C-alpha atoms as a PDB file:
ATOM      1  CA  MET A   1      -0.102  -0.078  -0.164  1.00  0.00           C
ATOM      2  CA  ARG A   2       2.641   2.319   0.773  1.00  0.00           C
ATOM      3  CA  ILE A   3       4.416   1.604  -2.558  1.00  0.00           C
ATOM      4  CA  LEU A   4       1.160   2.228  -4.412  1.00  0.00           C
ATOM      5  CA  SER A   5       0.622   5.550  -2.996  1.00  0.00           C
ATOM      6  CA  ILE A   6       4.145   6.791  -3.894  1.00  0.00           C
ATOM      7  CA  ALA A   7       3.667   5.702  -7.436  1.00  0.00           C
ATOM      8  CA  SER A   8       0.204   7.642  -7.633  1.00  0.00           C
ATOM      9  CA  VAL A   9       1.935  11.037  -6.433  1.00  0.00           C
ATOM     10  CA  SER A  10       4.672  10.427  -8.702  1.00  0.00           C
ATOM     11  CA  LEU A  11       2.220  10.116 -11.766  1.00  0.00           C
ATOM     12  CA  ALA A  12       0.335  13.349 -10.755  1.00  0.00           C
ATOM     13  CA  LEU A  13       3.466  15.387 -10.689  1.00  0.00           C
ATOM     14  CA  THR A  14       4.268  14.126 -14.162  1.00  0.00           C
ATOM     15  CA  ALA A  15       1.013  15.017 -15.613  1.00  0.00           C
ATOM     16  CA  PHE A  16       1.125  18.620 -14.035  1.00  0.00           C
ATOM     17  CA  SER A  17       4.462  19.270 -15.344  1.00  0.00           C
ATOM     18  CA  ALA A  18       3.409  18.213 -18.879  1.00  0.00           C
ATOM     19  CA  CYS A  19       0.434  20.596 -18.595  1.00  0.00           C
ATOM     20  CA  ALA A  20       2.728  23.523 -17.579  1.00  0.00           C
ATOM     21  CA  ASN A  21       5.141  22.861 -20.180  1.00  0.00           C
ATOM     22  CA  ARG A  22       2.314  22.750 -23.018  1.00  0.00           C
ATOM     23  CA  ALA A  23       0.899  26.086 -21.727  1.00  0.00           C
ATOM     24  CA  ALA A  24       4.370  27.814 -21.827  1.00  0.00           C
ATOM     25  CA  ARG A  25       4.766  26.685 -25.243  1.00  0.00           C
ATOM     26  CA  ASP A  26       1.624  28.004 -26.192  1.00  0.00           C
ATOM     27  CA  ARG A  27       2.263  31.404 -24.523  1.00  0.00           C
ATOM     28  CA  ASP A  28       5.628  31.645 -26.498  1.00  0.00           C
ATOM     29  CA  ALA A  29       4.013  30.913 -29.851  1.00  0.00           C
ATOM     30  CA  SER A  30       1.130  33.584 -29.449  1.00  0.00           C
ATOM     31  CA  PRO A  31       1.715  37.096 -30.513  1.00  0.00           C
ATOM     32  CA  PRO A  32       1.401  39.989 -28.074  1.00  0.00           C
ATOM     33  CA  ALA A  33      -1.801  41.610 -27.448  1.00  0.00           C
ATOM     34  CA  GLU A  34      -0.577  44.884 -28.289  1.00  0.00           C
ATOM     35  CA  ALA A  35       0.769  43.702 -31.690  1.00  0.00           C
ATOM     36  CA  THR A  36      -2.789  42.692 -32.682  1.00  0.00           C
ATOM     37  CA  LYS A  37      -4.382  46.373 -32.115  1.00  0.00           C
ATOM     38  CA  PRO A  38      -4.463  48.480 -35.182  1.00  0.00           C
ATOM     39  CA  GLN A  39      -1.988  51.251 -35.446  1.00  0.00           C
ATOM     40  CA  ALA A  40      -3.417  54.855 -35.503  1.00  0.00           C
ATOM     41  CA  SER A  41      -2.799  56.640 -39.031  1.00  0.00           C
ATOM     42  CA  PRO A  42      -0.232  59.548 -38.951  1.00  0.00           C
ATOM     43  CA  GLN A  43      -3.161  62.204 -39.595  1.00  0.00           C
ATOM     44  CA  ALA A  44      -5.103  60.808 -36.721  1.00  0.00           C
ATOM     45  CA  LYS A  45      -2.117  61.087 -34.482  1.00  0.00           C
ATOM     46  CA  GLU A  46      -1.538  64.726 -35.716  1.00  0.00           C
ATOM     47  CA  SER A  47      -5.213  65.469 -34.978  1.00  0.00           C
ATOM     48  CA  GLU A  48      -5.112  64.286 -31.371  1.00  0.00           C
ATOM     49  CA  PRO A  49      -3.791  67.152 -29.246  1.00  0.00           C
ATOM     50  CA  GLN A  50      -0.583  66.381 -27.251  1.00  0.00           C
ATOM     51  CA  GLY A  51      -0.779  66.079 -23.606  1.00  0.00           C
ATOM     52  CA  GLN A  52      -4.553  65.570 -23.674  1.00  0.00           C
ATOM     53  CA  PRO A  53      -6.394  62.459 -22.253  1.00  0.00           C
ATOM     54  CA  LYS A  54      -7.488  59.567 -24.659  1.00  0.00           C
ATOM     55  CA  ASN A  55     -11.176  61.581 -24.942  1.00  0.00           C
ATOM     56  CA  ALA A  56      -9.698  64.456 -27.023  1.00  0.00           C
ATOM     57  CA  VAL A  57     -10.867  63.123 -30.069  1.00  0.00           C
ATOM     58  CA  ALA A  58     -14.370  63.342 -28.818  1.00  0.00           C
ATOM     59  CA  LYS A  59     -13.802  66.757 -27.692  1.00  0.00           C
ATOM     60  CA  VAL A  60     -12.590  67.851 -31.283  1.00  0.00           C
ATOM     61  CA  ASP A  61     -15.836  66.040 -32.615  1.00  0.00           C
ATOM     62  CA  GLU A  62     -17.731  68.382 -30.447  1.00  0.00           C
ATOM     63  CA  ALA A  63     -16.850  71.448 -32.734  1.00  0.00           C
ATOM     64  CA  ASP A  64     -19.813  71.057 -35.092  1.00  0.00           C
ATOM     65  CA  PRO A  65     -18.967  72.551 -38.538  1.00  0.00           C
ATOM     66  CA  ALA A  66     -22.831  73.230 -39.216  1.00  0.00           C
ATOM     67  CA  ALA A  67     -22.813  75.468 -36.282  1.00  0.00           C
ATOM     68  CA  ALA A  68     -19.349  77.293 -37.309  1.00  0.00           C
ATOM     69  CA  ALA A  69     -20.779  77.844 -40.837  1.00  0.00           C
ATOM     70  CA  ALA A  70     -24.100  79.333 -39.388  1.00  0.00           C
ATOM     71  CA  LYS A  71     -22.032  81.522 -37.270  1.00  0.00           C
ATOM     72  CA  LEU A  72     -19.802  82.589 -40.368  1.00  0.00           C
ATOM     73  CA  SER A  73     -22.887  83.337 -42.254  1.00  0.00           C
ATOM     74  CA  ALA A  74     -24.250  85.565 -39.250  1.00  0.00           C
ATOM     75  CA  ALA A  75     -21.211  87.294 -39.204  1.00  0.00           C
ATOM     76  CA  GLU A  76     -21.191  87.839 -42.983  1.00  0.00           C
ATOM     77  CA  ARG A  77     -24.911  89.351 -42.777  1.00  0.00           C
ATOM     78  CA  ALA A  78     -23.815  91.597 -39.868  1.00  0.00           C
ATOM     79  CA  LEU A  79     -20.973  93.004 -41.679  1.00  0.00           C
ATOM     80  CA  ALA A  80     -22.636  93.558 -44.933  1.00  0.00           C
ATOM     81  CA  LEU A  81     -25.438  95.404 -42.833  1.00  0.00           C
ATOM     82  CA  ALA A  82     -22.725  97.446 -40.979  1.00  0.00           C
ATOM     83  CA  ARG A  83     -20.926  98.350 -44.196  1.00  0.00           C
ATOM     84  CA  ALA A  84     -24.509  99.520 -45.537  1.00  0.00           C
ATOM     85  CA  LYS A  85     -25.065 101.649 -42.625  1.00  0.00           C
ATOM     86  CA  LEU A  86     -21.328 102.971 -42.932  1.00  0.00           C
ATOM     87  CA  GLU A  87     -22.114 104.218 -46.326  1.00  0.00           C
ATOM     88  CA  LYS A  88     -25.307 105.851 -44.894  1.00  0.00           C
ATOM     89  CA  SER A  89     -23.379 107.524 -42.366  1.00  0.00           C
ATOM     90  CA  ARG A  90     -20.702 108.734 -44.946  1.00  0.00           C
ATOM     91  CA  ALA A  91     -23.808 110.195 -47.163  1.00  0.00           C
ATOM     92  CA  ASP A  92     -25.635 111.685 -44.209  1.00  0.00           C
ATOM     93  CA  LEU A  93     -22.152 113.456 -43.314  1.00  0.00           C
ATOM     94  CA  ALA A  94     -21.805 114.682 -46.982  1.00  0.00           C
ATOM     95  CA  ASN A  95     -25.534 115.861 -46.991  1.00  0.00           C
ATOM     96  CA  GLN A  96     -25.065 117.493 -43.672  1.00  0.00           C
ATOM     97  CA  GLU A  97     -21.955 119.603 -44.866  1.00  0.00           C
ATOM     98  CA  THR A  98     -24.022 120.630 -47.963  1.00  0.00           C
ATOM     99  CA  ALA A  99     -27.088 121.658 -45.888  1.00  0.00           C
ATOM    100  CA  GLY A 100     -25.029 123.208 -43.434  1.00  0.00           C
ATOM    101  CA  GLY A 101     -23.094 125.294 -45.709  1.00  0.00           C
ATOM    102  CA  GLU A 102     -26.411 126.190 -47.418  1.00  0.00           C
ATOM    103  CA  SER A 103     -28.111 127.256 -44.204  1.00  0.00           C
ATOM    104  CA  ILE A 104     -25.000 129.359 -43.180  1.00  0.00           C
ATOM    105  CA  SER A 105     -24.757 130.801 -46.677  1.00  0.00           C
ATOM    106  CA  ALA A 106     -28.374 131.725 -46.565  1.00  0.00           C
ATOM    107  CA  ALA A 107     -27.875 133.235 -42.873  1.00  0.00           C
ATOM    108  CA  LYS A 108     -25.069 135.424 -44.023  1.00  0.00           C
ATOM    109  CA  ALA A 109     -27.074 136.789 -47.253  1.00  0.00           C
ATOM    110  CA  ASP A 110     -29.623 137.594 -44.830  1.00  0.00           C
ATOM    111  CA  GLN A 111     -27.480 139.328 -42.535  1.00  0.00           C
ATOM    112  CA  GLU A 112     -25.789 141.321 -45.468  1.00  0.00           C
ATOM    113  CA  LEU A 113     -29.319 142.365 -46.677  1.00  0.00           C
ATOM    114  CA  ALA A 114     -30.264 143.676 -43.223  1.00  0.00           C
ATOM    115  CA  LYS A 115     -26.980 145.641 -42.952  1.00  0.00           C
ATOM    116  CA  SER A 116     -27.685 146.806 -46.266  1.00  0.00           C
ATOM    117  CA  ALA A 117     -31.085 147.770 -45.771  1.00  0.00           C
ATOM    118  CA  LEU A 118     -30.171 149.777 -42.526  1.00  0.00           C
ATOM    119  CA  ALA A 119     -27.279 151.600 -44.390  1.00  0.00           C
ATOM    120  CA  ASN A 120     -29.557 152.453 -46.994  1.00  0.00           C
ATOM    121  CA  PHE A 121     -32.200 153.637 -44.578  1.00  0.00           C
ATOM    122  CA  GLU A 122     -29.585 156.027 -43.113  1.00  0.00           C
ATOM    123  CA  VAL A 123     -29.343 157.471 -46.333  1.00  0.00           C
ATOM    124  CA  THR A 124     -32.749 157.807 -47.558  1.00  0.00           C
ATOM    125  CA  SER A 125     -34.047 158.919 -44.109  1.00  0.00           C
ATOM    126  CA  LYS A 126     -32.033 162.147 -44.651  1.00  0.00           C
ATOM    127  CA  LEU A 127     -33.657 162.685 -48.076  1.00  0.00           C
ATOM    128  CA  ARG A 128     -36.993 162.242 -46.779  1.00  0.00           C
ATOM    129  CA  VAL A 129     -36.300 164.778 -43.890  1.00  0.00           C
ATOM    130  CA  GLU A 130     -34.975 167.233 -46.783  1.00  0.00           C
ATOM    131  CA  ARG A 131     -37.974 166.619 -48.968  1.00  0.00           C
ATOM    132  CA  GLU A 132     -40.443 167.163 -46.037  1.00  0.00           C
ATOM    133  CA  LYS A 133     -38.509 170.240 -45.014  1.00  0.00           C
ATOM    134  CA  SER A 134     -38.693 171.461 -48.733  1.00  0.00           C
ATOM    135  CA  THR A 135     -42.528 170.992 -48.856  1.00  0.00           C
ATOM    136  CA  LEU A 136     -42.763 172.921 -45.659  1.00  0.00           C
ATOM    137  CA  GLN A 137     -40.894 175.786 -47.133  1.00  0.00           C
ATOM    138  CA  GLY A 138     -43.368 175.677 -50.140  1.00  0.00           C
ATOM    139  CA  ALA A 139     -46.066 175.871 -48.090  1.00  0.00           C
ATOM    140  CA  ALA A 140     -44.454 178.727 -46.026  1.00  0.00           C
ATOM    141  CA  ASP A 141     -43.802 180.550 -49.267  1.00  0.00           C
ATOM    142  CA  SER A 142     -47.349 180.016 -50.419  1.00  0.00           C
ATOM    143  CA  LEU A 143     -48.745 181.429 -47.343  1.00  0.00           C
ATOM    144  CA  THR A 144     -46.456 184.631 -47.790  1.00  0.00           C
ATOM    145  CA  GLU A 145     -47.499 185.011 -51.346  1.00  0.00           C
ATOM    146  CA  ALA A 146     -51.242 184.750 -50.604  1.00  0.00           C
ATOM    147  CA  GLU A 147     -50.664 187.300 -47.945  1.00  0.00           C
ATOM    148  CA  GLU A 148     -48.745 189.638 -50.385  1.00  0.00           C
ATOM    149  CA  GLU A 149     -51.378 189.034 -52.888  1.00  0.00           C
ATOM    150  CA  LEU A 150     -54.039 190.188 -50.568  1.00  0.00           C
ATOM    151  CA  ALA A 151     -52.211 193.187 -49.370  1.00  0.00           C
ATOM    152  CA  GLN A 152     -51.731 194.190 -53.248  1.00  0.00           C
ATOM    153  CA  LEU A 153     -55.361 193.782 -53.776  1.00  0.00           C
ATOM    154  CA  GLU A 154     -56.222 195.903 -50.985  1.00  0.00           C
ATOM    155  CA  LEU A 155     -54.288 198.557 -52.081  1.00  0.00           C
ATOM    156  CA  MET A 156     -55.599 198.461 -55.439  1.00  0.00           C
ATOM    157  CA  TYR A 157     -59.013 198.396 -54.650  1.00  0.00           C
ATOM    158  CA  GLU A 158     -58.567 201.413 -52.585  1.00  0.00           C
ATOM    159  CA  LYS A 159     -57.712 203.450 -55.724  1.00  0.00           C
ATOM    160  CA  THR A 160     -60.220 202.440 -57.931  1.00  0.00           C
ATOM    161  CA  GLU A 161     -64.009 202.960 -58.107  1.00  0.00           C
ATOM    162  CA  LEU A 162     -65.158 199.412 -58.628  1.00  0.00           C
ATOM    163  CA  ALA A 163     -68.556 198.103 -57.332  1.00  0.00           C
ATOM    164  CA  ASP A 164     -68.274 197.097 -53.525  1.00  0.00           C
ATOM    165  CA  LYS A 165     -69.546 193.631 -54.664  1.00  0.00           C
ATOM    166  CA  THR A 166     -66.499 192.929 -56.924  1.00  0.00           C
ATOM    167  CA  LYS A 167     -64.460 194.059 -54.488  1.00  0.00           C
ATOM    168  CA  GLU A 168     -65.672 191.518 -51.812  1.00  0.00           C
ATOM    169  CA  LEU A 169     -65.476 188.634 -53.922  1.00  0.00           C
ATOM    170  CA  VAL A 170     -61.881 189.220 -54.757  1.00  0.00           C
ATOM    171  CA  ILE A 171     -60.799 190.111 -51.445  1.00  0.00           C
ATOM    172  CA  LYS A 172     -62.531 186.988 -49.742  1.00  0.00           C
ATOM    173  CA  ARG A 173     -60.884 184.684 -52.552  1.00  0.00           C
ATOM    174  CA  ALA A 174     -57.465 185.823 -51.753  1.00  0.00           C
ATOM    175  CA  GLN A 175     -58.459 185.587 -47.869  1.00  0.00           C
ATOM    176  CA  ARG A 176     -59.414 181.809 -48.661  1.00  0.00           C
ATOM    177  CA  ARG A 177     -56.176 181.263 -50.324  1.00  0.00           C
ATOM    178  CA  ILE A 178     -54.466 182.379 -47.435  1.00  0.00           C
ATOM    179  CA  GLU A 179     -56.514 180.232 -44.989  1.00  0.00           C
ATOM    180  CA  ARG A 180     -55.625 177.068 -47.024  1.00  0.00           C
ATOM    181  CA  SER A 181     -52.091 177.863 -47.288  1.00  0.00           C
ATOM    182  CA  LYS A 182     -51.929 178.358 -43.300  1.00  0.00           C
ATOM    183  CA  ARG A 183     -53.730 175.100 -43.112  1.00  0.00           C
ATOM    184  CA  SER A 184     -51.160 173.320 -45.601  1.00  0.00           C
ATOM    185  CA  LEU A 185     -48.157 175.007 -43.844  1.00  0.00           C
ATOM    186  CA  ASP A 186     -49.319 173.639 -40.431  1.00  0.00           C
ATOM    187  CA  LEU A 187     -49.943 169.870 -41.840  1.00  0.00           C
ATOM    188  CA  GLN A 188     -46.446 170.226 -43.234  1.00  0.00           C
ATOM    189  CA  ARG A 189     -44.864 171.328 -39.978  1.00  0.00           C
ATOM    190  CA  GLN A 190     -46.742 168.056 -38.346  1.00  0.00           C
ATOM    191  CA  ALA A 191     -45.467 165.703 -41.057  1.00  0.00           C
ATOM    192  CA  LEU A 192     -41.718 167.082 -40.656  1.00  0.00           C
ATOM    193  CA  ALA A 193     -42.127 166.600 -36.696  1.00  0.00           C
ATOM    194  CA  ASN A 194     -43.896 163.059 -37.008  1.00  0.00           C
ATOM    195  CA  LEU A 195     -41.232 161.916 -39.639  1.00  0.00           C
ATOM    196  CA  GLU A 196     -38.091 163.067 -37.552  1.00  0.00           C
ATOM    197  CA  THR A 197     -39.414 161.896 -34.113  1.00  0.00           C
ATOM    198  CA  LEU A 198     -41.450 159.033 -34.867  1.00  0.00           C
ATOM    199  CA  GLU A 199     -41.690 157.279 -38.361  1.00  0.00           C
ATOM    200  CA  LEU A 200     -37.713 157.484 -38.773  1.00  0.00           C
ATOM    201  CA  VAL A 201     -36.965 156.436 -35.281  1.00  0.00           C
ATOM    202  CA  GLN A 202     -39.481 153.503 -35.502  1.00  0.00           C
ATOM    203  CA  GLU A 203     -38.157 152.339 -39.108  1.00  0.00           C
ATOM    204  CA  ARG A 204     -34.378 152.455 -37.869  1.00  0.00           C
ATOM    205  CA  ALA A 205     -35.282 150.432 -34.654  1.00  0.00           C
ATOM    206  CA  LYS A 206     -37.106 147.752 -36.936  1.00  0.00           C
ATOM    207  CA  LEU A 207     -34.111 147.444 -39.559  1.00  0.00           C
ATOM    208  CA  ALA A 208     -31.547 147.485 -36.541  1.00  0.00           C
ATOM    209  CA  LEU A 209     -33.610 144.736 -34.670  1.00  0.00           C
ATOM    210  CA  ASP A 210     -34.053 142.764 -37.818  1.00  0.00           C
ATOM    211  CA  GLY A 211     -30.177 142.954 -38.492  1.00  0.00           C
ATOM    212  CA  GLU A 212     -29.553 141.502 -34.937  1.00  0.00           C
ATOM    213  CA  ALA A 213     -32.150 138.775 -35.441  1.00  0.00           C
ATOM    214  CA  LYS A 214     -30.107 137.916 -38.855  1.00  0.00           C
ATOM    215  CA  THR A 215     -26.819 138.033 -36.938  1.00  0.00           C
ATOM    216  CA  ARG A 216     -28.423 135.568 -34.280  1.00  0.00           C
ATOM    217  CA  ALA A 217     -29.905 133.374 -37.173  1.00  0.00           C
ATOM    218  CA  LEU A 218     -26.309 133.190 -38.571  1.00  0.00           C
ATOM    219  CA  ALA A 219     -24.759 132.338 -35.432  1.00  0.00           C
ATOM    220  CA  ARG A 220     -27.486 129.698 -34.745  1.00  0.00           C
ATOM    221  CA  ALA A 221     -27.108 128.287 -38.021  1.00  0.00           C
ATOM    222  CA  THR A 222     -23.445 127.966 -37.686  1.00  0.00           C
ATOM    223  CA  ARG A 223     -23.833 126.309 -33.879  1.00  0.00           C
ATOM    224  CA  ASP A 224     -26.336 123.987 -35.699  1.00  0.00           C
ATOM    225  CA  SER A 225     -24.439 122.865 -38.577  1.00  0.00           C
ATOM    226  CA  THR A 226     -21.358 122.672 -36.315  1.00  0.00           C
ATOM    227  CA  GLY A 227     -23.241 120.307 -33.787  1.00  0.00           C
ATOM    228  CA  ALA A 228     -24.858 118.408 -36.540  1.00  0.00           C
ATOM    229  CA  LEU A 229     -21.515 117.500 -38.223  1.00  0.00           C
ATOM    230  CA  ALA A 230     -19.997 116.675 -35.175  1.00  0.00           C
ATOM    231  CA  ASP A 231     -22.907 114.076 -34.546  1.00  0.00           C
ATOM    232  CA  LYS A 232     -22.854 112.748 -38.041  1.00  0.00           C
ATOM    233  CA  ARG A 233     -18.822 112.453 -37.696  1.00  0.00           C
ATOM    234  CA  LEU A 234     -19.213 110.810 -34.427  1.00  0.00           C
ATOM    235  CA  ALA A 235     -21.817 108.533 -35.932  1.00  0.00           C
ATOM    236  CA  LEU A 236     -19.482 107.630 -38.929  1.00  0.00           C
ATOM    237  CA  GLN A 237     -16.571 106.705 -36.535  1.00  0.00           C
ATOM    238  CA  ALA A 238     -18.925 104.585 -34.536  1.00  0.00           C
ATOM    239  CA  GLN A 239     -19.892 102.778 -38.050  1.00  0.00           C
ATOM    240  CA  GLU A 240     -16.318 102.557 -38.843  1.00  0.00           C
ATOM    241  CA  ASN A 241     -15.417 100.758 -35.588  1.00  0.00           C
ATOM    242  CA  ASP A 242     -18.552  98.476 -35.963  1.00  0.00           C
ATOM    243  CA  VAL A 243     -17.218  97.599 -39.410  1.00  0.00           C
ATOM    244  CA  ALA A 244     -13.666  96.951 -38.013  1.00  0.00           C
ATOM    245  CA  LYS A 245     -15.076  94.763 -35.330  1.00  0.00           C
ATOM    246  CA  LEU A 246     -17.344  92.730 -37.402  1.00  0.00           C
ATOM    247  CA  GLU A 247     -14.498  92.227 -40.018  1.00  0.00           C
ATOM    248  CA  ASP A 248     -12.382  90.782 -37.068  1.00  0.00           C
ATOM    249  CA  ASP A 249     -15.420  88.625 -36.210  1.00  0.00           C
ATOM    250  CA  LEU A 250     -15.718  87.659 -39.574  1.00  0.00           C
ATOM    251  CA  LEU A 251     -12.148  86.558 -39.859  1.00  0.00           C
ATOM    252  CA  ALA A 252     -12.332  84.437 -36.720  1.00  0.00           C
ATOM    253  CA  ALA A 253     -15.299  82.946 -37.733  1.00  0.00           C
ATOM    254  CA  LYS A 254     -13.892  81.957 -40.680  1.00  0.00           C
ATOM    255  CA  ARG A 255     -10.906  80.356 -38.953  1.00  0.00           C
ATOM    256  CA  ALA A 256     -13.239  78.588 -36.500  1.00  0.00           C
ATOM    257  CA  ALA A 257     -15.249  77.197 -39.537  1.00  0.00           C
ATOM    258  CA  GLU A 258     -12.006  76.174 -41.157  1.00  0.00           C
ATOM    259  CA  LYS A 259     -10.500  74.434 -38.016  1.00  0.00           C
ATOM    260  CA  ALA A 260     -14.120  72.702 -37.360  1.00  0.00           C
ATOM    261  CA  ALA A 261     -13.961  71.458 -41.074  1.00  0.00           C
ATOM    262  CA  ALA A 262     -10.434  70.086 -40.432  1.00  0.00           C
ATOM    263  CA  ALA A 263     -11.086  68.586 -37.010  1.00  0.00           C
ATOM    264  CA  GLN A 264     -14.121  66.792 -38.449  1.00  0.00           C
ATOM    265  CA  ALA A 265     -12.286  65.538 -41.444  1.00  0.00           C
ATOM    266  CA  ALA A 266      -9.379  64.481 -39.175  1.00  0.00           C
ATOM    267  CA  SER A 267     -11.893  62.685 -36.859  1.00  0.00           C
ATOM    268  CA  ALA A 268     -13.602  60.694 -39.887  1.00  0.00           C
ATOM    269  CA  GLN A 269     -10.357  59.502 -41.338  1.00  0.00           C
ATOM    270  CA  GLY A 270      -9.151  58.342 -37.769  1.00  0.00           C
ATOM    271  CA  THR A 271     -12.466  56.494 -37.293  1.00  0.00           C
ATOM    272  CA  SER A 272     -12.244  54.804 -40.652  1.00  0.00           C
ATOM    273  CA  THR A 273      -8.680  53.832 -40.067  1.00  0.00           C
ATOM    274  CA  ARG A 274      -9.435  52.401 -36.668  1.00  0.00           C
ATOM    275  CA  GLY A 275     -12.508  50.341 -38.464  1.00  0.00           C
ATOM    276  CA  SER A 276     -10.588  48.979 -41.079  1.00  0.00           C
ATOM    277  CA  GLY A 277      -7.930  47.392 -38.611  1.00  0.00           C
ATOM    278  CA  LYS A 278      -4.929  48.550 -40.737  1.00  0.00           C
ATOM    279  CA  PRO A 279      -1.646  49.281 -39.159  1.00  0.00           C
END
């Protein structure tokens, strides 16, 4: 029994050794596990950022080319609209320069007319006074002549033997002429006084006020034109800044779209290479 037990143990050890040797031979004959894995293509390796985790390709895939293209289209539309507004701002500035110049020129012309009217008044007012004085002198001379004529008639009728009725008619006619001359003389005196103390004073004041108003209008037109031009220039500058910013945005959107398209192409190529299993 002791001899049989030792023989059984010996057979078991022999069988175990044979199985171990067979397993070692099989392990040596099979290739390494890493050799069976498909090698990534050079493009796929380049598309994967260095120093990033294994899910970097998934992050690249998240850059949607359609969204990038939509952003690019929106940037192009915004830039086109901004450029249109810029052209309008330039046209508005040119129109304001023209309108402002015309307003200032018209205000200057009105001011010159007002000054000319006042200067002309200073000349014509003196002529009017002289004319009124001449008319007044004529009325005074007419009165003197009428009085002299009456005196002559009275002297003449004293030396003649004409009927009293004829003498009375002639004398009364001369006397009425004197009364009319006196009345005319009084009216001429009043007219001269009214001209010198009221009419000319009011007309001169009105022309002076008109000239001042035209001067203020010129100053106001100048201020308004200057302010409007400043506003238009600021608006133009703002539009130019907007266009410059949108041009930068468009350039950035183009670059982003190109990167998204390249990333998608690289990702698709890497996926195709891994699926084919080529080294």
